[in-house]
Structure formats: C-alpha cells, structure tokens
Amino acid sequence: MSAQDGSHSERTSLVHGPRGKGGHYLVGLGLGLVPLILWGVVVVDYVHRSDLMFVVIGLMQAEFLEAVVCLFFKRTRSIGYGLLTPLPVGVFLLLAL
C-alpha cells in the first residue's frame, strides 16, 4: 500500500485505537475502577480482608499521582481524566466506612 491511495488516514494503533481520544478516556476509566472494585471486596468481607484496605488506599493514592502525571502531557490527558473520574466516588466510600 502506498501513501497515495489514502490508506494512511485509516491506520489504528494499540495506543490510539479507532476512536481516538475516547478510547484513552475509557482506558483510564477502566484502570480507575480497579480500586473501587477492590474496595467493594473489602466492605463485603471486612473481617477477613482488613489488610486489603491498606492496599486499596495505596492504590487510590497511586492512581491520583498517575492521573496528575497524565494530565501534564497532551497525549495522555484523556487517560488522566478517565483516572480521575471514579476517584471522588472512592474517596466518598472511604470516608463513609
């Protein structure tokens, strides 16, 4: 395929995906939901998984730092937004317990 037939405009990669920045946001959102899912495991079975609570808190802190770093770069900014989206819910659930 040559560059003259216009095929270069339909290229996709693992980073950008076919939808562009929307895919980045969904990747960040998926990664941001991991601590919330683990937090649900802690709440359901708190007696046996109290040590996991500290892991979840550490993951939330690391997620916040990763989101801040992603916001600095234009290429990864939408991933940072996706990471920040579930963070207020996680903080609310932490304070509610």
N, C-alpha and C. Protein backbone atom coordinates (compact mmCIF):
# COMPACT_ATOMS: atom_id res chain seq x y z
N MET A 1 0.84 -1.18 0.00
CA MET A 1 0.00 0.00 0.00
C MET A 1 0.88 1.24 0.00
N SER A 2 0.53 2.15 -0.81
CA SER A 2 1.30 3.37 -0.89
C SER A 2 0.57 4.49 -0.16
N ALA A 3 1.30 5.55 0.09
CA ALA A 3 0.71 6.70 0.78
C ALA A 3 -0.24 7.47 -0.12
N GLN A 4 -0.22 7.18 -1.40
CA GLN A 4 -1.05 7.92 -2.34
C GLN A 4 -2.49 7.43 -2.36
N ASP A 5 -2.76 6.21 -1.93
CA ASP A 5 -4.12 5.70 -2.00
C ASP A 5 -4.98 6.10 -0.79
N GLY A 6 -4.44 6.86 0.13
CA GLY A 6 -5.22 7.37 1.25
C GLY A 6 -5.35 6.40 2.40
N SER A 7 -4.65 5.28 2.38
CA SER A 7 -4.80 4.29 3.44
C SER A 7 -4.15 4.74 4.75
N HIS A 8 -3.28 5.71 4.70
CA HIS A 8 -2.62 6.15 5.92
C HIS A 8 -3.58 6.82 6.88
N SER A 9 -4.71 7.33 6.42
CA SER A 9 -5.65 8.02 7.30
C SER A 9 -6.48 7.05 8.12
N GLU A 10 -6.50 5.77 7.77
CA GLU A 10 -7.30 4.81 8.49
C GLU A 10 -6.45 3.91 9.39
N ARG A 11 -5.21 4.29 9.62
CA ARG A 11 -4.35 3.50 10.48
C ARG A 11 -4.84 3.57 11.92
N THR A 12 -4.72 2.48 12.62
CA THR A 12 -5.02 2.46 14.04
C THR A 12 -3.83 1.84 14.76
N SER A 13 -3.68 2.17 16.00
CA SER A 13 -2.62 1.58 16.79
C SER A 13 -3.21 1.14 18.12
N LEU A 14 -2.42 0.43 18.89
CA LEU A 14 -2.90 -0.03 20.19
C LEU A 14 -3.07 1.12 21.16
N VAL A 15 -2.34 2.20 20.96
CA VAL A 15 -2.42 3.33 21.88
C VAL A 15 -3.64 4.19 21.56
N HIS A 16 -3.83 4.54 20.30
CA HIS A 16 -4.90 5.45 19.94
C HIS A 16 -6.22 4.74 19.69
N GLY A 17 -6.19 3.57 19.11
CA GLY A 17 -7.42 2.85 18.82
C GLY A 17 -8.18 3.53 17.70
N PRO A 18 -9.26 2.94 17.28
CA PRO A 18 -10.00 3.51 16.16
C PRO A 18 -10.80 4.75 16.52
N ARG A 19 -11.07 4.97 17.79
CA ARG A 19 -11.91 6.10 18.17
C ARG A 19 -11.12 7.32 18.63
N GLY A 20 -9.83 7.25 18.64
CA GLY A 20 -9.02 8.39 19.05
C GLY A 20 -9.01 8.56 20.56
N LYS A 21 -9.26 9.77 21.03
CA LYS A 21 -9.13 10.09 22.44
C LYS A 21 -10.22 9.46 23.30
N GLY A 22 -11.36 9.12 22.72
CA GLY A 22 -12.40 8.47 23.50
C GLY A 22 -11.93 7.14 24.06
N GLY A 23 -11.12 6.44 23.31
CA GLY A 23 -10.56 5.18 23.79
C GLY A 23 -9.61 5.38 24.95
N HIS A 24 -8.86 6.49 24.93
CA HIS A 24 -7.96 6.81 26.03
C HIS A 24 -8.74 7.00 27.32
N TYR A 25 -9.84 7.74 27.23
CA TYR A 25 -10.65 8.00 28.41
C TYR A 25 -11.18 6.69 28.99
N LEU A 26 -11.62 5.79 28.13
CA LEU A 26 -12.15 4.51 28.61
C LEU A 26 -11.07 3.66 29.24
N VAL A 27 -9.85 3.73 28.73
CA VAL A 27 -8.74 3.01 29.36
C VAL A 27 -8.50 3.56 30.76
N GLY A 28 -8.46 4.88 30.90
CA GLY A 28 -8.28 5.49 32.21
C GLY A 28 -9.42 5.16 33.16
N LEU A 29 -10.63 5.15 32.63
CA LEU A 29 -11.79 4.82 33.45
C LEU A 29 -11.72 3.37 33.93
N GLY A 30 -11.33 2.48 33.06
CA GLY A 30 -11.19 1.08 33.45
C GLY A 30 -10.13 0.88 34.52
N LEU A 31 -9.01 1.56 34.37
CA LEU A 31 -7.95 1.46 35.38
C LEU A 31 -8.38 2.12 36.69
N GLY A 32 -9.17 3.18 36.59
CA GLY A 32 -9.63 3.87 37.78
C GLY A 32 -10.65 3.09 38.58
N LEU A 33 -11.33 2.16 37.94
CA LEU A 33 -12.34 1.37 38.63
C LEU A 33 -11.75 0.21 39.44
N VAL A 34 -10.50 -0.12 39.21
CA VAL A 34 -9.87 -1.25 39.92
C VAL A 34 -9.89 -1.03 41.44
N PRO A 35 -9.47 0.13 41.96
CA PRO A 35 -9.54 0.31 43.42
C PRO A 35 -10.97 0.27 43.96
N LEU A 36 -11.95 0.75 43.18
CA LEU A 36 -13.33 0.70 43.66
C LEU A 36 -13.84 -0.73 43.76
N ILE A 37 -13.46 -1.57 42.82
CA ILE A 37 -13.88 -2.97 42.87
C ILE A 37 -13.23 -3.66 44.07
N LEU A 38 -11.96 -3.38 44.30
CA LEU A 38 -11.29 -3.96 45.48
C LEU A 38 -11.91 -3.43 46.77
N TRP A 39 -12.32 -2.16 46.76
CA TRP A 39 -12.95 -1.59 47.95
C TRP A 39 -14.27 -2.32 48.24
N GLY A 40 -14.99 -2.68 47.19
CA GLY A 40 -16.22 -3.46 47.38
C GLY A 40 -15.94 -4.81 48.01
N VAL A 41 -14.83 -5.44 47.65
CA VAL A 41 -14.45 -6.71 48.27
C VAL A 41 -14.14 -6.51 49.74
N VAL A 42 -13.49 -5.41 50.08
CA VAL A 42 -13.15 -5.13 51.48
C VAL A 42 -14.42 -4.90 52.30
N VAL A 43 -15.36 -4.15 51.76
CA VAL A 43 -16.58 -3.82 52.50
C VAL A 43 -17.44 -5.07 52.72
N VAL A 44 -17.54 -5.91 51.70
CA VAL A 44 -18.37 -7.11 51.81
C VAL A 44 -17.81 -8.08 52.85
N ASP A 45 -16.52 -8.25 52.88
CA ASP A 45 -15.90 -9.22 53.78
C ASP A 45 -14.82 -8.52 54.61
N TYR A 46 -15.23 -7.53 55.41
CA TYR A 46 -14.28 -6.68 56.13
C TYR A 46 -13.47 -7.46 57.17
N VAL A 47 -14.07 -8.41 57.83
CA VAL A 47 -13.39 -9.11 58.92
C VAL A 47 -12.18 -9.87 58.42
N HIS A 48 -12.31 -10.52 57.27
CA HIS A 48 -11.22 -11.35 56.76
C HIS A 48 -10.27 -10.59 55.85
N ARG A 49 -10.65 -9.41 55.39
CA ARG A 49 -9.84 -8.69 54.41
C ARG A 49 -9.45 -7.29 54.88
N SER A 50 -9.27 -7.10 56.16
CA SER A 50 -8.94 -5.77 56.66
C SER A 50 -7.57 -5.31 56.19
N ASP A 51 -6.65 -6.24 55.93
CA ASP A 51 -5.33 -5.86 55.43
C ASP A 51 -5.40 -5.35 53.98
N LEU A 52 -6.41 -5.80 53.25
CA LEU A 52 -6.58 -5.35 51.88
C LEU A 52 -6.99 -3.87 51.81
N MET A 53 -7.55 -3.37 52.91
CA MET A 53 -7.96 -1.97 52.94
C MET A 53 -6.75 -1.05 52.73
N PHE A 54 -5.63 -1.38 53.31
CA PHE A 54 -4.44 -0.56 53.14
C PHE A 54 -3.90 -0.61 51.71
N VAL A 55 -4.07 -1.76 51.06
CA VAL A 55 -3.69 -1.89 49.66
C VAL A 55 -4.56 -0.99 48.79
N VAL A 56 -5.86 -0.98 49.09
CA VAL A 56 -6.80 -0.14 48.32
C VAL A 56 -6.47 1.33 48.49
N ILE A 57 -6.18 1.75 49.71
CA ILE A 57 -5.83 3.15 49.95
C ILE A 57 -4.55 3.51 49.20
N GLY A 58 -3.57 2.63 49.21
CA GLY A 58 -2.34 2.87 48.46
C GLY A 58 -2.59 2.94 46.96
N LEU A 59 -3.47 2.07 46.45
CA LEU A 59 -3.82 2.11 45.03
C LEU A 59 -4.50 3.42 44.65
N MET A 60 -5.36 3.90 45.53
CA MET A 60 -6.04 5.17 45.24
C MET A 60 -5.05 6.34 45.22
N GLN A 61 -4.09 6.32 46.12
CA GLN A 61 -3.07 7.36 46.12
C GLN A 61 -2.21 7.29 44.87
N ALA A 62 -1.83 6.08 44.48
CA ALA A 62 -1.03 5.91 43.27
C ALA A 62 -1.82 6.32 42.04
N GLU A 63 -3.10 6.02 42.02
CA GLU A 63 -3.97 6.40 40.90
C GLU A 63 -4.05 7.91 40.77
N PHE A 64 -4.14 8.60 41.90
CA PHE A 64 -4.19 10.06 41.86
C PHE A 64 -2.89 10.63 41.29
N LEU A 65 -1.76 10.10 41.73
CA LEU A 65 -0.48 10.58 41.22
C LEU A 65 -0.32 10.29 39.73
N GLU A 66 -0.75 9.11 39.31
CA GLU A 66 -0.69 8.78 37.88
C GLU A 66 -1.58 9.71 37.06
N ALA A 67 -2.75 10.04 37.58
CA ALA A 67 -3.65 10.94 36.88
C ALA A 67 -3.04 12.33 36.73
N VAL A 68 -2.39 12.81 37.78
CA VAL A 68 -1.76 14.13 37.71
C VAL A 68 -0.64 14.13 36.67
N VAL A 69 0.15 13.07 36.64
CA VAL A 69 1.22 12.98 35.64
C VAL A 69 0.63 12.91 34.24
N CYS A 70 -0.42 12.14 34.05
CA CYS A 70 -1.06 12.05 32.73
C CYS A 70 -1.63 13.38 32.27
N LEU A 71 -2.09 14.20 33.20
CA LEU A 71 -2.66 15.49 32.83
C LEU A 71 -1.62 16.47 32.30
N PHE A 72 -0.36 16.25 32.62
CA PHE A 72 0.69 17.15 32.15
C PHE A 72 1.00 16.99 30.67
N PHE A 73 0.74 15.82 30.12
CA PHE A 73 1.08 15.55 28.72
C PHE A 73 -0.18 15.51 27.88
N LYS A 74 -0.14 16.22 26.78
CA LYS A 74 -1.32 16.33 25.92
C LYS A 74 -1.76 14.97 25.39
N ARG A 75 -0.82 14.10 25.09
CA ARG A 75 -1.13 12.80 24.51
C ARG A 75 -1.88 11.90 25.49
N THR A 76 -1.61 12.03 26.77
CA THR A 76 -2.23 11.16 27.77
C THR A 76 -3.24 11.89 28.66
N ARG A 77 -3.60 13.09 28.30
CA ARG A 77 -4.50 13.89 29.14
C ARG A 77 -5.86 13.21 29.33
N SER A 78 -6.41 12.61 28.28
CA SER A 78 -7.72 11.99 28.43
C SER A 78 -7.64 10.73 29.30
N ILE A 79 -6.50 10.07 29.34
CA ILE A 79 -6.32 8.95 30.28
C ILE A 79 -6.37 9.48 31.71
N GLY A 80 -5.75 10.61 31.94
CA GLY A 80 -5.79 11.24 33.27
C GLY A 80 -7.20 11.60 33.70
N TYR A 81 -7.99 12.11 32.75
CA TYR A 81 -9.39 12.41 33.06
C TYR A 81 -10.15 11.14 33.42
N GLY A 82 -9.88 10.07 32.69
CA GLY A 82 -10.53 8.79 33.00
C GLY A 82 -10.13 8.25 34.36
N LEU A 83 -8.87 8.45 34.74
CA LEU A 83 -8.42 8.01 36.06
C LEU A 83 -9.05 8.83 37.18
N LEU A 84 -9.27 10.11 36.91
CA LEU A 84 -9.84 10.98 37.94
C LEU A 84 -11.34 10.82 38.11
N THR A 85 -12.02 10.31 37.12
CA THR A 85 -13.49 10.22 37.18
C THR A 85 -13.99 9.39 38.36
N PRO A 86 -13.52 8.17 38.60
CA PRO A 86 -14.06 7.40 39.74
C PRO A 86 -13.42 7.76 41.08
N LEU A 87 -12.42 8.61 41.09
CA LEU A 87 -11.71 8.91 42.33
C LEU A 87 -12.59 9.57 43.40
N PRO A 88 -13.45 10.55 43.07
CA PRO A 88 -14.31 11.11 44.12
C PRO A 88 -15.25 10.09 44.75
N VAL A 89 -15.73 9.15 43.95
CA VAL A 89 -16.59 8.08 44.49
C VAL A 89 -15.80 7.23 45.47
N GLY A 90 -14.57 6.90 45.12
CA GLY A 90 -13.73 6.12 46.01
C GLY A 90 -13.42 6.83 47.31
N VAL A 91 -13.15 8.11 47.24
CA VAL A 91 -12.88 8.88 48.45
C VAL A 91 -14.13 8.96 49.31
N PHE A 92 -15.29 9.16 48.69
CA PHE A 92 -16.54 9.18 49.43
C PHE A 92 -16.78 7.85 50.14
N LEU A 93 -16.53 6.74 49.45
CA LEU A 93 -16.72 5.43 50.07
C LEU A 93 -15.72 5.19 51.19
N LEU A 94 -14.51 5.71 51.04
CA LEU A 94 -13.51 5.58 52.12
C LEU A 94 -13.97 6.31 53.37
N LEU A 95 -14.51 7.51 53.18
CA LEU A 95 -14.93 8.30 54.33
C LEU A 95 -16.23 7.79 54.93
N ALA A 96 -17.03 7.10 54.15
CA ALA A 96 -18.31 6.60 54.64
C ALA A 96 -18.16 5.40 55.57
N LEU A 97 -17.06 4.68 55.45
CA LEU A 97 -16.89 3.47 56.26
C LEU A 97 -16.43 3.78 57.64
